[in-house]
PDB file of N, CA and C in Angstrom:
ATOM      1  N   MET A   1     -14.507 -13.567   4.670  1.00  0.00           N
ATOM      2  CA  MET A   1     -15.241 -12.573   4.232  1.00  0.00           C
ATOM      3  C   MET A   1     -14.564 -11.456   4.052  1.00  0.00           C
ATOM      4  N   ILE A   2     -14.208 -10.384   2.764  1.00  0.00           N
ATOM      5  CA  ILE A   2     -13.933  -9.359   2.891  1.00  0.00           C
ATOM      6  C   ILE A   2     -14.929  -8.350   2.884  1.00  0.00           C
ATOM      7  N   ILE A   3     -15.059  -7.195   3.420  1.00  0.00           N
ATOM      8  CA  ILE A   3     -15.903  -5.721   3.682  1.00  0.00           C
ATOM      9  C   ILE A   3     -15.160  -4.854   2.808  1.00  0.00           C
ATOM     10  N   GLU A   4     -15.908  -3.726   2.226  1.00  0.00           N
ATOM     11  CA  GLU A   4     -14.846  -3.040   1.773  1.00  0.00           C
ATOM     12  C   GLU A   4     -15.443  -1.406   1.692  1.00  0.00           C
ATOM     13  N   LYS A   5     -14.897  -0.427   2.369  1.00  0.00           N
ATOM     14  CA  LYS A   5     -15.560   1.005   2.424  1.00  0.00           C
ATOM     15  C   LYS A   5     -14.637   1.902   1.069  1.00  0.00           C
ATOM     16  N   GLU A   6     -15.719   2.775   0.581  1.00  0.00           N
ATOM     17  CA  GLU A   6     -14.769   3.279  -0.182  1.00  0.00           C
ATOM     18  C   GLU A   6     -14.886   5.081   0.230  1.00  0.00           C
ATOM     19  N   PHE A   7     -13.785   5.661  -0.229  1.00  0.00           N
ATOM     20  CA  PHE A   7     -13.516   6.834   0.179  1.00  0.00           C
ATOM     21  C   PHE A   7     -13.167   7.558  -1.345  1.00  0.00           C
ATOM     22  N   VAL A   8     -13.009   9.426  -0.729  1.00  0.00           N
ATOM     23  CA  VAL A   8     -12.643  10.052  -2.168  1.00  0.00           C
ATOM     24  C   VAL A   8     -11.768  11.408  -1.363  1.00  0.00           C
ATOM     25  N   PHE A   9     -10.836  11.309  -2.149  1.00  0.00           N
ATOM     26  CA  PHE A   9     -10.385  12.785  -1.557  1.00  0.00           C
ATOM     27  C   PHE A   9      -9.204  13.728  -3.060  1.00  0.00           C
ATOM     28  N   ASP A  10      -9.277  14.920  -2.911  1.00  0.00           N
ATOM     29  CA  ASP A  10      -8.297  15.312  -3.990  1.00  0.00           C
ATOM     30  C   ASP A  10      -6.905  15.984  -3.905  1.00  0.00           C
ATOM     31  N   SER A  11      -6.284  15.940  -4.272  1.00  0.00           N
ATOM     32  CA  SER A  11      -4.785  16.505  -3.972  1.00  0.00           C
ATOM     33  C   SER A  11      -4.148  16.988  -5.284  1.00  0.00           C
ATOM     34  N   ALA A  12      -3.254  17.252  -5.438  1.00  0.00           N
ATOM     35  CA  ALA A  12      -2.302  17.902  -6.520  1.00  0.00           C
ATOM     36  C   ALA A  12      -0.564  17.322  -5.943  1.00  0.00           C
ATOM     37  N   HIS A  13      -0.047  16.713  -7.056  1.00  0.00           N
ATOM     38  CA  HIS A  13       1.298  16.244  -6.535  1.00  0.00           C
ATOM     39  C   HIS A  13       2.211  16.265  -8.212  1.00  0.00           C
ATOM     40  N   PHE A  14       3.468  15.796  -8.230  1.00  0.00           N
ATOM     41  CA  PHE A  14       4.512  15.955  -9.214  1.00  0.00           C
ATOM     42  C   PHE A  14       4.625  14.655  -8.730  1.00  0.00           C
ATOM     43  N   LEU A  15       5.546  14.269  -9.936  1.00  0.00           N
ATOM     44  CA  LEU A  15       6.688  12.605  -9.612  1.00  0.00           C
ATOM     45  C   LEU A  15       7.976  13.080  -9.780  1.00  0.00           C
ATOM     46  N   PRO A  16       8.670  13.362  -9.175  1.00  0.00           N
ATOM     47  CA  PRO A  16      10.120  14.268  -8.728  1.00  0.00           C
ATOM     48  C   PRO A  16      11.058  13.125  -9.719  1.00  0.00           C
ATOM     49  N   ARG A  17      10.643  12.099 -10.030  1.00  0.00           N
ATOM     50  CA  ARG A  17      11.203  10.929 -10.069  1.00  0.00           C
ATOM     51  C   ARG A  17      11.588  10.162 -11.514  1.00  0.00           C
ATOM     52  N   VAL A  18      10.608  10.898 -12.298  1.00  0.00           N
ATOM     53  CA  VAL A  18      10.722  10.828 -13.741  1.00  0.00           C
ATOM     54  C   VAL A  18      11.245  11.758 -14.677  1.00  0.00           C
ATOM     55  N   ALA A  19      11.479  11.301 -15.799  1.00  0.00           N
ATOM     56  CA  ALA A  19      12.349  12.326 -16.432  1.00  0.00           C
ATOM     57  C   ALA A  19      11.610  13.483 -16.659  1.00  0.00           C
ATOM     58  N   ALA A  20      12.509  14.535 -16.993  1.00  0.00           N
ATOM     59  CA  ALA A  20      12.290  16.288 -17.131  1.00  0.00           C
ATOM     60  C   ALA A  20      10.996  16.231 -17.915  1.00  0.00           C
ATOM     61  N   ASP A  21      10.782  15.798 -18.965  1.00  0.00           N
ATOM     62  CA  ASP A  21      10.138  16.048 -20.467  1.00  0.00           C
ATOM     63  C   ASP A  21       8.476  14.880 -19.789  1.00  0.00           C
ATOM     64  N   HIS A  22       8.429  14.351 -19.009  1.00  0.00           N
ATOM     65  CA  HIS A  22       7.426  13.204 -18.883  1.00  0.00           C
ATOM     66  C   HIS A  22       6.323  14.341 -17.713  1.00  0.00           C
ATOM     67  N   LYS A  23       4.772  14.041 -18.598  1.00  0.00           N
ATOM     68  CA  LYS A  23       3.821  14.805 -18.213  1.00  0.00           C
ATOM     69  C   LYS A  23       3.734  15.078 -16.842  1.00  0.00           C
ATOM     70  N   CYS A  24       4.025  13.386 -15.850  1.00  0.00           N
ATOM     71  CA  CYS A  24       3.904  14.088 -14.493  1.00  0.00           C
ATOM     72  C   CYS A  24       4.867  14.474 -13.508  1.00  0.00           C
ATOM     73  N   ARG A  25       5.438  14.946 -14.537  1.00  0.00           N
ATOM     74  CA  ARG A  25       6.972  16.172 -13.986  1.00  0.00           C
ATOM     75  C   ARG A  25       6.301  17.137 -13.473  1.00  0.00           C
ATOM     76  N   LYS A  26       4.851  17.709 -14.073  1.00  0.00           N
ATOM     77  CA  LYS A  26       4.609  18.571 -13.480  1.00  0.00           C
ATOM     78  C   LYS A  26       3.249  18.670 -12.570  1.00  0.00           C
ATOM     79  N   LEU A  27       3.483  19.726 -12.157  1.00  0.00           N
ATOM     80  CA  LEU A  27       2.335  19.840 -10.971  1.00  0.00           C
ATOM     81  C   LEU A  27       0.701  19.643 -11.705  1.00  0.00           C
ATOM     82  N   HIS A  28       0.306  18.595 -10.962  1.00  0.00           N
ATOM     83  CA  HIS A  28      -1.007  18.206 -11.288  1.00  0.00           C
ATOM     84  C   HIS A  28      -1.734  17.568 -10.597  1.00  0.00           C
ATOM     85  N   GLY A  29      -3.294  17.490 -10.697  1.00  0.00           N
ATOM     86  CA  GLY A  29      -4.107  17.074  -9.490  1.00  0.00           C
ATOM     87  C   GLY A  29      -5.121  15.982  -9.942  1.00  0.00           C
ATOM     88  N   HIS A  30      -5.638  15.363  -9.042  1.00  0.00           N
ATOM     89  CA  HIS A  30      -6.309  14.057  -9.215  1.00  0.00           C
ATOM     90  C   HIS A  30      -7.872  14.190  -8.681  1.00  0.00           C
ATOM     91  N   THR A  31      -8.693  13.221  -8.752  1.00  0.00           N
ATOM     92  CA  THR A  31      -9.501  13.081  -7.606  1.00  0.00           C
ATOM     93  C   THR A  31      -9.313  11.670  -7.922  1.00  0.00           C
ATOM     94  N   TYR A  32      -8.833  10.972  -6.179  1.00  0.00           N
ATOM     95  CA  TYR A  32      -8.700   9.526  -5.881  1.00  0.00           C
ATOM     96  C   TYR A  32      -9.502   9.091  -5.528  1.00  0.00           C
ATOM     97  N   LYS A  33     -10.172   7.713  -5.616  1.00  0.00           N
ATOM     98  CA  LYS A  33     -10.622   6.867  -5.125  1.00  0.00           C
ATOM     99  C   LYS A  33      -9.710   5.452  -4.368  1.00  0.00           C
ATOM    100  N   VAL A  34     -10.397   5.898  -2.796  1.00  0.00           N
ATOM    101  CA  VAL A  34      -9.572   4.893  -2.158  1.00  0.00           C
ATOM    102  C   VAL A  34     -10.732   3.661  -1.870  1.00  0.00           C
ATOM    103  N   VAL A  35     -10.179   2.648  -1.541  1.00  0.00           N
ATOM    104  CA  VAL A  35     -10.989   1.385  -1.368  1.00  0.00           C
ATOM    105  C   VAL A  35      -9.807   0.994   0.360  1.00  0.00           C
ATOM    106  N   ILE A  36     -10.834   0.837   1.240  1.00  0.00           N
ATOM    107  CA  ILE A  36     -10.137   0.101   1.986  1.00  0.00           C
ATOM    108  C   ILE A  36     -11.137  -1.373   2.539  1.00  0.00           C
ATOM    109  N   ALA A  37      -9.711  -2.442   2.039  1.00  0.00           N
ATOM    110  CA  ALA A  37     -11.096  -3.597   2.733  1.00  0.00           C
ATOM    111  C   ALA A  37     -10.614  -4.819   4.230  1.00  0.00           C
ATOM    112  N   ILE A  38     -11.360  -5.082   4.548  1.00  0.00           N
ATOM    113  CA  ILE A  38     -11.356  -5.278   6.242  1.00  0.00           C
ATOM    114  C   ILE A  38     -11.684  -6.864   5.915  1.00  0.00           C
ATOM    115  N   GLU A  39     -10.846  -7.893   6.220  1.00  0.00           N
ATOM    116  CA  GLU A  39     -11.177  -9.438   5.890  1.00  0.00           C
ATOM    117  C   GLU A  39     -11.023 -10.195   7.472  1.00  0.00           C
ATOM    118  N   GLY A  40     -12.737 -10.466   7.764  1.00  0.00           N
ATOM    119  CA  GLY A  40     -12.439 -11.801   9.000  1.00  0.00           C
ATOM    120  C   GLY A  40     -13.828 -12.252   8.969  1.00  0.00           C
ATOM    121  N   GLU A  41     -14.342 -12.665   9.889  1.00  0.00           N
ATOM    122  CA  GLU A  41     -15.114 -13.895  10.520  1.00  0.00           C
ATOM    123  C   GLU A  41     -16.282 -13.080  10.698  1.00  0.00           C
ATOM    124  N   THR A  42     -17.336 -13.141  10.755  1.00  0.00           N
ATOM    125  CA  THR A  42     -18.845 -12.357  10.981  1.00  0.00           C
ATOM    126  C   THR A  42     -18.945 -12.338  12.804  1.00  0.00           C
ATOM    127  N   ASP A  43     -19.581 -11.428  13.236  1.00  0.00           N
ATOM    128  CA  ASP A  43     -19.685 -12.091  14.712  1.00  0.00           C
ATOM    129  C   ASP A  43     -21.164 -12.172  14.838  1.00  0.00           C
ATOM    130  N   ASP A  44     -21.467 -11.964  16.389  1.00  0.00           N
ATOM    131  CA  ASP A  44     -22.995 -12.426  16.857  1.00  0.00           C
ATOM    132  C   ASP A  44     -23.593 -11.462  16.016  1.00  0.00           C
ATOM    133  N   LYS A  45     -23.216 -10.192  15.898  1.00  0.00           N
ATOM    134  CA  LYS A  45     -24.149  -8.664  14.794  1.00  0.00           C
ATOM    135  C   LYS A  45     -24.455  -9.524  13.681  1.00  0.00           C
ATOM    136  N   GLY A  46     -23.434 -10.362  12.926  1.00  0.00           N
ATOM    137  CA  GLY A  46     -23.925 -10.502  11.709  1.00  0.00           C
ATOM    138  C   GLY A  46     -22.449  -9.875  10.663  1.00  0.00           C
ATOM    139  N   TRP A  47     -21.908  -9.506  11.686  1.00  0.00           N
ATOM    140  CA  TRP A  47     -20.956  -8.435  10.485  1.00  0.00           C
ATOM    141  C   TRP A  47     -19.349  -8.223  11.024  1.00  0.00           C
ATOM    142  N   ILE A  48     -18.628  -8.172  10.173  1.00  0.00           N
ATOM    143  CA  ILE A  48     -17.148  -7.906  10.153  1.00  0.00           C
ATOM    144  C   ILE A  48     -16.586  -6.663  11.078  1.00  0.00           C
ATOM    145  N   MET A  49     -16.828  -5.902  10.577  1.00  0.00           N
ATOM    146  CA  MET A  49     -16.701  -4.275  11.316  1.00  0.00           C
ATOM    147  C   MET A  49     -17.807  -3.486  10.962  1.00  0.00           C
ATOM    148  N   ASP A  50     -18.099  -2.774  11.869  1.00  0.00           N
ATOM    149  CA  ASP A  50     -18.725  -1.296  11.641  1.00  0.00           C
ATOM    150  C   ASP A  50     -18.451  -0.527  10.633  1.00  0.00           C
ATOM    151  N   PHE A  51     -19.105  -0.383   9.587  1.00  0.00           N
ATOM    152  CA  PHE A  51     -18.552   0.638   8.490  1.00  0.00           C
ATOM    153  C   PHE A  51     -18.223   2.180   9.146  1.00  0.00           C
ATOM    154  N   ALA A  52     -18.970   2.133  10.188  1.00  0.00           N
ATOM    155  CA  ALA A  52     -18.914   3.933  10.571  1.00  0.00           C
ATOM    156  C   ALA A  52     -17.932   3.645  11.592  1.00  0.00           C
ATOM    157  N   ASP A  53     -17.379   2.426  11.976  1.00  0.00           N
ATOM    158  CA  ASP A  53     -15.848   2.435  12.732  1.00  0.00           C
ATOM    159  C   ASP A  53     -14.511   2.541  11.861  1.00  0.00           C
ATOM    160  N   ILE A  54     -15.133   2.069  10.280  1.00  0.00           N
ATOM    161  CA  ILE A  54     -13.756   2.614   9.219  1.00  0.00           C
ATOM    162  C   ILE A  54     -13.703   3.578   9.008  1.00  0.00           C
ATOM    163  N   SER A  55     -15.162   4.051   8.846  1.00  0.00           N
ATOM    164  CA  SER A  55     -14.853   5.827   8.685  1.00  0.00           C
ATOM    165  C   SER A  55     -14.124   6.481   9.679  1.00  0.00           C
ATOM    166  N   ALA A  56     -14.449   5.498  11.217  1.00  0.00           N
ATOM    167  CA  ALA A  56     -13.971   6.519  11.948  1.00  0.00           C
ATOM    168  C   ALA A  56     -12.506   6.508  11.721  1.00  0.00           C
ATOM    169  N   VAL A  57     -11.519   5.715  11.298  1.00  0.00           N
ATOM    170  CA  VAL A  57     -10.196   5.930  11.485  1.00  0.00           C
ATOM    171  C   VAL A  57      -9.836   6.056  10.257  1.00  0.00           C
ATOM    172  N   VAL A  58     -10.164   6.162   9.025  1.00  0.00           N
ATOM    173  CA  VAL A  58      -9.925   6.801   7.699  1.00  0.00           C
ATOM    174  C   VAL A  58     -10.221   7.734   7.783  1.00  0.00           C
ATOM    175  N   GLN A  59     -10.738   8.539   7.869  1.00  0.00           N
ATOM    176  CA  GLN A  59     -10.831   9.952   7.539  1.00  0.00           C
ATOM    177  C   GLN A  59     -10.146  10.483   7.889  1.00  0.00           C
ATOM    178  N   PRO A  60     -10.037  10.911   9.323  1.00  0.00           N
ATOM    179  CA  PRO A  60      -8.769  11.565   9.821  1.00  0.00           C
ATOM    180  C   PRO A  60      -7.351  11.519   9.547  1.00  0.00           C
ATOM    181  N   ILE A  61      -6.937  10.444   8.479  1.00  0.00           N
ATOM    182  CA  ILE A  61      -5.832  10.171   8.069  1.00  0.00           C
ATOM    183  C   ILE A  61      -6.279  10.878   5.724  1.00  0.00           C
ATOM    184  N   LEU A  62      -7.367  10.625   5.730  1.00  0.00           N
ATOM    185  CA  LEU A  62      -7.372  11.211   4.549  1.00  0.00           C
ATOM    186  C   LEU A  62      -7.182  12.708   4.276  1.00  0.00           C
ATOM    187  N   HIS A  63      -8.154  12.970   5.522  1.00  0.00           N
ATOM    188  CA  HIS A  63      -8.252  14.940   5.938  1.00  0.00           C
ATOM    189  C   HIS A  63      -7.205  14.879   5.656  1.00  0.00           C
ATOM    190  N   ARG A  64      -5.949  14.376   6.318  1.00  0.00           N
ATOM    191  CA  ARG A  64      -4.832  15.100   6.134  1.00  0.00           C
ATOM    192  C   ARG A  64      -3.770  15.106   5.035  1.00  0.00           C
ATOM    193  N   ILE A  65      -4.485  14.368   3.671  1.00  0.00           N
ATOM    194  CA  ILE A  65      -4.117  14.794   2.313  1.00  0.00           C
ATOM    195  C   ILE A  65      -4.958  14.953   1.337  1.00  0.00           C
ATOM    196  N   ASP A  66      -5.975  15.561   1.869  1.00  0.00           N
ATOM    197  CA  ASP A  66      -6.934  15.858   0.730  1.00  0.00           C
ATOM    198  C   ASP A  66      -7.112  17.858   0.613  1.00  0.00           C
ATOM    199  N   HIS A  67      -6.903  17.969  -0.644  1.00  0.00           N
ATOM    200  CA  HIS A  67      -6.821  19.170  -0.319  1.00  0.00           C
ATOM    201  C   HIS A  67      -5.249  19.728  -0.206  1.00  0.00           C
ATOM    202  N   THR A  68      -4.655  18.758  -0.404  1.00  0.00           N
ATOM    203  CA  THR A  68      -2.802  19.340  -0.154  1.00  0.00           C
ATOM    204  C   THR A  68      -2.037  18.950  -1.725  1.00  0.00           C
ATOM    205  N   LEU A  69      -0.910  19.278  -1.639  1.00  0.00           N
ATOM    206  CA  LEU A  69      -0.013  19.040  -2.187  1.00  0.00           C
ATOM    207  C   LEU A  69       0.892  17.728  -1.348  1.00  0.00           C
ATOM    208  N   LEU A  70       0.502  16.479  -2.030  1.00  0.00           N
ATOM    209  CA  LEU A  70       1.005  15.371  -1.606  1.00  0.00           C
ATOM    210  C   LEU A  70       2.516  15.412  -1.152  1.00  0.00           C
ATOM    211  N   ASN A  71       3.264  15.995  -2.059  1.00  0.00           N
ATOM    212  CA  ASN A  71       4.562  15.816  -2.122  1.00  0.00           C
ATOM    213  C   ASN A  71       5.456  16.161  -0.529  1.00  0.00           C
ATOM    214  N   ALA A  72       4.310  17.441  -0.081  1.00  0.00           N
ATOM    215  CA  ALA A  72       4.741  18.038   0.967  1.00  0.00           C
ATOM    216  C   ALA A  72       4.542  16.942   2.181  1.00  0.00           C
ATOM    217  N   VAL A  73       4.132  16.560   2.219  1.00  0.00           N
ATOM    218  CA  VAL A  73       3.200  15.570   2.784  1.00  0.00           C
ATOM    219  C   VAL A  73       4.919  14.198   3.489  1.00  0.00           C
ATOM    220  N   PRO A  74       5.364  13.895   4.619  1.00  0.00           N
ATOM    221  CA  PRO A  74       6.463  13.364   5.184  1.00  0.00           C
ATOM    222  C   PRO A  74       5.918  12.120   4.574  1.00  0.00           C
ATOM    223  N   GLY A  75       6.696  11.295   4.135  1.00  0.00           N
ATOM    224  CA  GLY A  75       6.873   9.948   3.659  1.00  0.00           C
ATOM    225  C   GLY A  75       5.737   9.984   1.963  1.00  0.00           C
ATOM    226  N   LEU A  76       5.486  11.077   1.508  1.00  0.00           N
ATOM    227  CA  LEU A  76       4.776  10.747   0.069  1.00  0.00           C
ATOM    228  C   LEU A  76       5.808  12.263  -1.164  1.00  0.00           C
ATOM    229  N   GLU A  77       7.015  11.840  -0.980  1.00  0.00           N
ATOM    230  CA  GLU A  77       7.550  13.092  -1.301  1.00  0.00           C
ATOM    231  C   GLU A  77       7.480  12.565  -2.867  1.00  0.00           C
ATOM    232  N   ASN A  78       7.189  11.134  -3.181  1.00  0.00           N
ATOM    233  CA  ASN A  78       7.812  10.843  -4.305  1.00  0.00           C
ATOM    234  C   ASN A  78       6.018  10.299  -4.504  1.00  0.00           C
ATOM    235  N   PRO A  79       5.018  11.161  -5.090  1.00  0.00           N
ATOM    236  CA  PRO A  79       3.485  10.655  -4.310  1.00  0.00           C
ATOM    237  C   PRO A  79       3.208   9.713  -5.441  1.00  0.00           C
ATOM    238  N   THR A  80       3.613   8.564  -5.879  1.00  0.00           N
ATOM    239  CA  THR A  80       3.130   7.728  -7.043  1.00  0.00           C
ATOM    240  C   THR A  80       2.235   7.047  -6.404  1.00  0.00           C
ATOM    241  N   ALA A  81       0.720   6.757  -7.206  1.00  0.00           N
ATOM    242  CA  ALA A  81      -0.198   5.873  -6.366  1.00  0.00           C
ATOM    243  C   ALA A  81       0.347   4.634  -5.803  1.00  0.00           C
ATOM    244  N   GLU A  82       0.773   4.093  -6.535  1.00  0.00           N
ATOM    245  CA  GLU A  82       1.344   2.735  -5.126  1.00  0.00           C
ATOM    246  C   GLU A  82       2.173   3.289  -3.911  1.00  0.00           C
ATOM    247  N   ASN A  83       2.970   4.914  -3.903  1.00  0.00           N
ATOM    248  CA  ASN A  83       3.250   4.888  -2.693  1.00  0.00           C
ATOM    249  C   ASN A  83       2.401   5.461  -1.998  1.00  0.00           C
ATOM    250  N   ILE A  84       0.844   5.736  -2.710  1.00  0.00           N
ATOM    251  CA  ILE A  84       0.129   6.468  -2.047  1.00  0.00           C
ATOM    252  C   ILE A  84      -1.026   5.161  -1.119  1.00  0.00           C
ATOM    253  N   ALA A  85      -1.054   4.532  -1.885  1.00  0.00           N
ATOM    254  CA  ALA A  85      -1.527   3.165  -1.326  1.00  0.00           C
ATOM    255  C   ALA A  85      -0.843   2.663  -0.476  1.00  0.00           C
ATOM    256  N   MET A  86       0.670   2.374   0.154  1.00  0.00           N
ATOM    257  CA  MET A  86       1.108   2.179   1.176  1.00  0.00           C
ATOM    258  C   MET A  86       1.254   3.077   1.913  1.00  0.00           C
ATOM    259  N   TRP A  87       0.961   4.008   2.000  1.00  0.00           N
ATOM    260  CA  TRP A  87       0.989   5.080   2.527  1.00  0.00           C
ATOM    261  C   TRP A  87       0.043   5.022   3.820  1.00  0.00           C
ATOM    262  N   ILE A  88      -1.309   4.993   2.951  1.00  0.00           N
ATOM    263  CA  ILE A  88      -2.305   4.787   3.412  1.00  0.00           C
ATOM    264  C   ILE A  88      -2.771   3.342   4.683  1.00  0.00           C
ATOM    265  N   PHE A  89      -1.841   2.498   3.905  1.00  0.00           N
ATOM    266  CA  PHE A  89      -2.023   1.109   4.297  1.00  0.00           C
ATOM    267  C   PHE A  89      -1.688   1.220   5.947  1.00  0.00           C
ATOM    268  N   HIS A  90       0.079   2.081   5.881  1.00  0.00           N
ATOM    269  CA  HIS A  90       0.590   1.526   7.110  1.00  0.00           C
ATOM    270  C   HIS A  90       0.201   2.601   7.937  1.00  0.00           C
ATOM    271  N   GLU A  91      -0.480   3.417   7.593  1.00  0.00           N
ATOM    272  CA  GLU A  91      -1.274   4.841   8.552  1.00  0.00           C
ATOM    273  C   GLU A  91      -2.284   4.271   9.242  1.00  0.00           C
ATOM    274  N   LEU A  92      -2.842   3.137   8.412  1.00  0.00           N
ATOM    275  CA  LEU A  92      -4.052   2.798   9.109  1.00  0.00           C
ATOM    276  C   LEU A  92      -3.841   1.485   9.568  1.00  0.00           C
ATOM    277  N   LYS A  93      -3.203   0.436   9.535  1.00  0.00           N
ATOM    278  CA  LYS A  93      -2.827  -0.914   9.900  1.00  0.00           C
ATOM    279  C   LYS A  93      -2.825  -1.202  11.320  1.00  0.00           C
ATOM    280  N   ALA A  94      -2.077  -0.226  12.030  1.00  0.00           N
ATOM    281  CA  ALA A  94      -2.169  -0.149  13.651  1.00  0.00           C
ATOM    282  C   ALA A  94      -3.678   0.148  14.592  1.00  0.00           C
ATOM    283  N   ARG A  95      -4.202   1.041  13.665  1.00  0.00           N
ATOM    284  CA  ARG A  95      -5.644   1.113  14.139  1.00  0.00           C
ATOM    285  C   ARG A  95      -6.961   0.176  13.532  1.00  0.00           C
ATOM    286  N   LEU A  96      -6.499  -0.106  12.463  1.00  0.00           N
ATOM    287  CA  LEU A  96      -7.581  -1.572  11.750  1.00  0.00           C
ATOM    288  C   LEU A  96      -6.715  -2.849  11.378  1.00  0.00           C
ATOM    289  N   PRO A  97      -6.915  -3.315  12.420  1.00  0.00           N
ATOM    290  CA  PRO A  97      -5.676  -5.264  12.297  1.00  0.00           C
ATOM    291  C   PRO A  97      -6.548  -5.410  11.561  1.00  0.00           C
ATOM    292  N   LEU A  98      -7.832  -5.817  10.918  1.00  0.00           N
ATOM    293  CA  LEU A  98      -7.904  -6.505   9.934  1.00  0.00           C
ATOM    294  C   LEU A  98      -8.076  -6.105   8.596  1.00  0.00           C
ATOM    295  N   LEU A  99      -7.258  -5.063   8.661  1.00  0.00           N
ATOM    296  CA  LEU A  99      -6.958  -4.584   7.404  1.00  0.00           C
ATOM    297  C   LEU A  99      -6.286  -5.549   5.910  1.00  0.00           C
ATOM    298  N   THR A 100      -6.564  -5.451   5.344  1.00  0.00           N
ATOM    299  CA  THR A 100      -6.727  -6.431   4.115  1.00  0.00           C
ATOM    300  C   THR A 100      -5.323  -5.933   3.091  1.00  0.00           C
ATOM    301  N   PHE A 101      -6.552  -4.815   1.977  1.00  0.00           N
ATOM    302  CA  PHE A 101      -5.492  -4.186   1.398  1.00  0.00           C
ATOM    303  C   PHE A 101      -6.465  -2.899   1.162  1.00  0.00           C
ATOM    304  N   VAL A 102      -5.489  -2.174   0.636  1.00  0.00           N
ATOM    305  CA  VAL A 102      -6.119  -0.615   0.140  1.00  0.00           C
ATOM    306  C   VAL A 102      -5.643  -0.408  -1.626  1.00  0.00           C
ATOM    307  N   THR A 103      -6.809  -0.059  -1.775  1.00  0.00           N
ATOM    308  CA  THR A 103      -6.957   0.275  -3.375  1.00  0.00           C
ATOM    309  C   THR A 103      -7.047   1.788  -3.196  1.00  0.00           C
ATOM    310  N   VAL A 104      -5.960   2.287  -4.535  1.00  0.00           N
ATOM    311  CA  VAL A 104      -6.076   3.777  -4.782  1.00  0.00           C
ATOM    312  C   VAL A 104      -6.072   3.631  -6.391  1.00  0.00           C
ATOM    313  N   GLN A 105      -7.362   4.303  -6.378  1.00  0.00           N
ATOM    314  CA  GLN A 105      -7.830   4.817  -7.995  1.00  0.00           C
ATOM    315  C   GLN A 105      -7.099   6.137  -8.427  1.00  0.00           C
ATOM    316  N   GLU A 106      -6.829   6.738  -9.513  1.00  0.00           N
ATOM    317  CA  GLU A 106      -6.325   8.239 -10.002  1.00  0.00           C
ATOM    318  C   GLU A 106      -6.855   7.861 -10.855  1.00  0.00           C
ATOM    319  N   GLY A 107      -7.808   8.885 -10.664  1.00  0.00           N
ATOM    320  CA  GLY A 107      -8.682   9.337 -12.070  1.00  0.00           C
ATOM    321  C   GLY A 107      -9.519   8.113 -11.974  1.00  0.00           C
ATOM    322  N   LEU A 108      -9.744   8.150 -13.771  1.00  0.00           N
ATOM    323  CA  LEU A 108     -11.421   6.904 -14.081  1.00  0.00           C
ATOM    324  C   LEU A 108     -10.572   5.490 -13.878  1.00  0.00           C
ATOM    325  N   ALA A 109      -9.477   5.373 -14.803  1.00  0.00           N
ATOM    326  CA  ALA A 109      -8.964   3.780 -15.078  1.00  0.00           C
ATOM    327  C   ALA A 109      -7.726   3.275 -14.990  1.00  0.00           C
ATOM    328  N   SER A 110      -6.972   3.926 -13.777  1.00  0.00           N
ATOM    329  CA  SER A 110      -5.513   3.574 -13.135  1.00  0.00           C
ATOM    330  C   SER A 110      -5.807   3.412 -11.328  1.00  0.00           C
ATOM    331  N   ARG A 111      -5.537   2.118 -11.093  1.00  0.00           N
ATOM    332  CA  ARG A 111      -5.530   1.943  -9.603  1.00  0.00           C
ATOM    333  C   ARG A 111      -4.594   1.020  -9.649  1.00  0.00           C
ATOM    334  N   VAL A 112      -4.120   1.241  -7.963  1.00  0.00           N
ATOM    335  CA  VAL A 112      -3.068   0.289  -7.490  1.00  0.00           C
ATOM    336  C   VAL A 112      -3.701  -0.501  -6.068  1.00  0.00           C
ATOM    337  N   VAL A 113      -3.271  -1.974  -6.106  1.00  0.00           N
ATOM    338  CA  VAL A 113      -3.776  -2.743  -4.758  1.00  0.00           C
ATOM    339  C   VAL A 113      -2.578  -2.958  -4.183  1.00  0.00           C
ATOM    340  N   TYR A 114      -2.756  -2.716  -2.849  1.00  0.00           N
ATOM    341  CA  TYR A 114      -1.410  -2.810  -1.795  1.00  0.00           C
ATOM    342  C   TYR A 114      -2.058  -4.281  -0.620  1.00  0.00           C
ATOM    343  N   SER A 115      -1.370  -4.523  -0.650  1.00  0.00           N
ATOM    344  CA  SER A 115      -1.977  -5.572   0.685  1.00  0.00           C
ATOM    345  C   SER A 115      -0.986  -5.443   1.678  1.00  0.00           C
ATOM    346  N   GLY A 116      -0.013  -4.999   1.659  1.00  0.00           N
ATOM    347  CA  GLY A 116       0.947  -4.896   2.816  1.00  0.00           C
ATOM    348  C   GLY A 116       2.214  -6.097   2.673  1.00  0.00           C
ATOM    349  N   LYS A 117       2.269  -6.413   1.789  1.00  0.00           N
ATOM    350  CA  LYS A 117       2.966  -7.845   1.524  1.00  0.00           C
ATOM    351  C   LYS A 117       4.505  -7.367   0.502  1.00  0.00           C
TER     352      LYS A 117
END
């Protein structure tokens, strides 16, 4: 069984590795939606993990990148949606061992899913 918990944060970034005339080379911002997926068996309470426990682990990580310039965060110097998803996954995995994947949605229509593989 998989449970998911959704979070939102806002940040600015630019993509330094794209062509100079690419629109994403310029500083701009997004509202990001992040989905944290936990997979496991239900326990005697009938759940895999308390959603509040997921929030307690995720919120401090997202607080570090909310309303920031992502490029200034160590490990996010090239903050593509793919790299943001990988960064979040690796920041969380030690404290959420049942973490299965992280989805990062950039704006309304673009998203990436990272499963640590």
